[in-house]
Amino acid sequence: MLKELVKAVGVPVKDNAITNVVEIYEHPSGAIHFMASNNDSRVRDFDMERFHLSKHFYFPWPINDTREWEQ
């Protein structure tokens, strides 16, 4: 399902860009979200229930990982 979701929402925008990490998590609102980090220098946060782009961040470098590491 996640592969179809990523294709449906257009992650990433460049044809040769790569999605490096997709993290599924529970948003503080209780909704299930996924965050995709890409080598097109963008991080996108989506609401999975509504297939809605919630947040879109731009960086001057490729984003390889957005996961929060637990110790």
Protein backbone atom coordinates (compact mmCIF):
# COMPACT_ATOMS: atom_id res chain seq x y z
CA MET A 1 0.00 0.00 0.00
CA LEU A 2 2.78 2.45 0.85
CA LYS A 3 4.35 2.11 -2.61
CA GLU A 4 1.00 3.01 -4.21
CA LEU A 5 0.58 5.92 -1.79
CA VAL A 6 4.00 7.34 -2.60
CA LYS A 7 3.26 7.10 -6.34
CA ALA A 8 -0.17 8.69 -5.89
CA VAL A 9 1.13 11.75 -4.07
CA GLY A 10 4.06 12.37 -6.40
CA VAL A 11 7.08 11.85 -4.17
CA PRO A 12 9.59 13.06 -5.34
CA VAL A 13 9.02 15.68 -8.06
CA LYS A 14 12.13 15.06 -10.16
CA ASP A 15 12.13 12.01 -12.44
CA ASN A 16 15.60 10.94 -11.32
CA ALA A 17 15.11 11.72 -7.61
CA ILE A 18 15.15 8.98 -5.00
CA THR A 19 13.02 8.62 -1.89
CA ASN A 20 15.57 7.64 0.76
CA VAL A 21 13.40 7.05 3.83
CA VAL A 22 9.68 6.82 4.53
CA GLU A 23 8.73 6.93 8.19
CA ILE A 24 5.17 6.18 9.31
CA TYR A 25 4.20 7.73 12.63
CA GLU A 26 1.28 8.93 14.73
CA HIS A 27 0.91 12.72 14.55
CA PRO A 28 0.15 14.52 17.86
CA SER A 29 -3.41 15.00 16.53
CA GLY A 30 -3.82 11.21 16.47
CA ALA A 31 -3.77 10.96 12.66
CA ILE A 32 -1.38 8.53 10.95
CA HIS A 33 1.22 10.38 8.87
CA PHE A 34 4.23 9.46 6.82
CA MET A 35 7.32 11.57 6.26
CA ALA A 36 9.39 11.07 3.11
CA SER A 37 12.96 12.32 2.76
CA ASN A 38 14.39 12.63 -0.73
CA ASN A 39 17.54 13.47 -2.61
CA ASP A 40 15.62 16.29 -4.35
CA SER A 41 16.34 18.32 -1.17
CA ARG A 42 12.82 18.09 0.17
CA VAL A 43 11.03 16.52 3.11
CA ARG A 44 7.30 15.95 2.83
CA ASP A 45 4.83 15.08 5.56
CA PHE A 46 1.54 13.47 4.50
CA ASP A 47 -1.70 12.64 6.28
CA MET A 48 -2.24 9.02 5.22
CA GLU A 49 -6.01 8.96 5.78
CA ARG A 50 -6.70 11.94 3.52
CA PHE A 51 -3.69 11.56 1.15
CA HIS A 52 -2.99 15.20 2.02
CA LEU A 53 0.39 16.95 1.99
CA SER A 54 0.57 18.47 5.48
CA LYS A 55 4.05 20.00 5.45
CA HIS A 56 6.72 20.54 2.82
CA PHE A 57 10.28 21.52 3.74
CA TYR A 58 13.03 22.66 1.33
CA PHE A 59 16.75 22.36 2.05
CA PRO A 60 19.90 23.36 0.11
CA TRP A 61 21.15 19.73 0.26
CA PRO A 62 19.73 16.22 -0.32
CA ILE A 63 17.97 14.69 2.68
CA ASN A 64 19.11 11.16 3.41
CA ASP A 65 17.27 10.39 6.64
CA THR A 66 14.60 11.95 8.86
CA ARG A 67 14.08 9.14 11.35
CA GLU A 68 14.26 9.85 15.05
CA TRP A 69 16.78 7.53 16.67
CA GLU A 70 15.96 6.01 20.04
CA GLN A 71 18.78 5.25 22.45
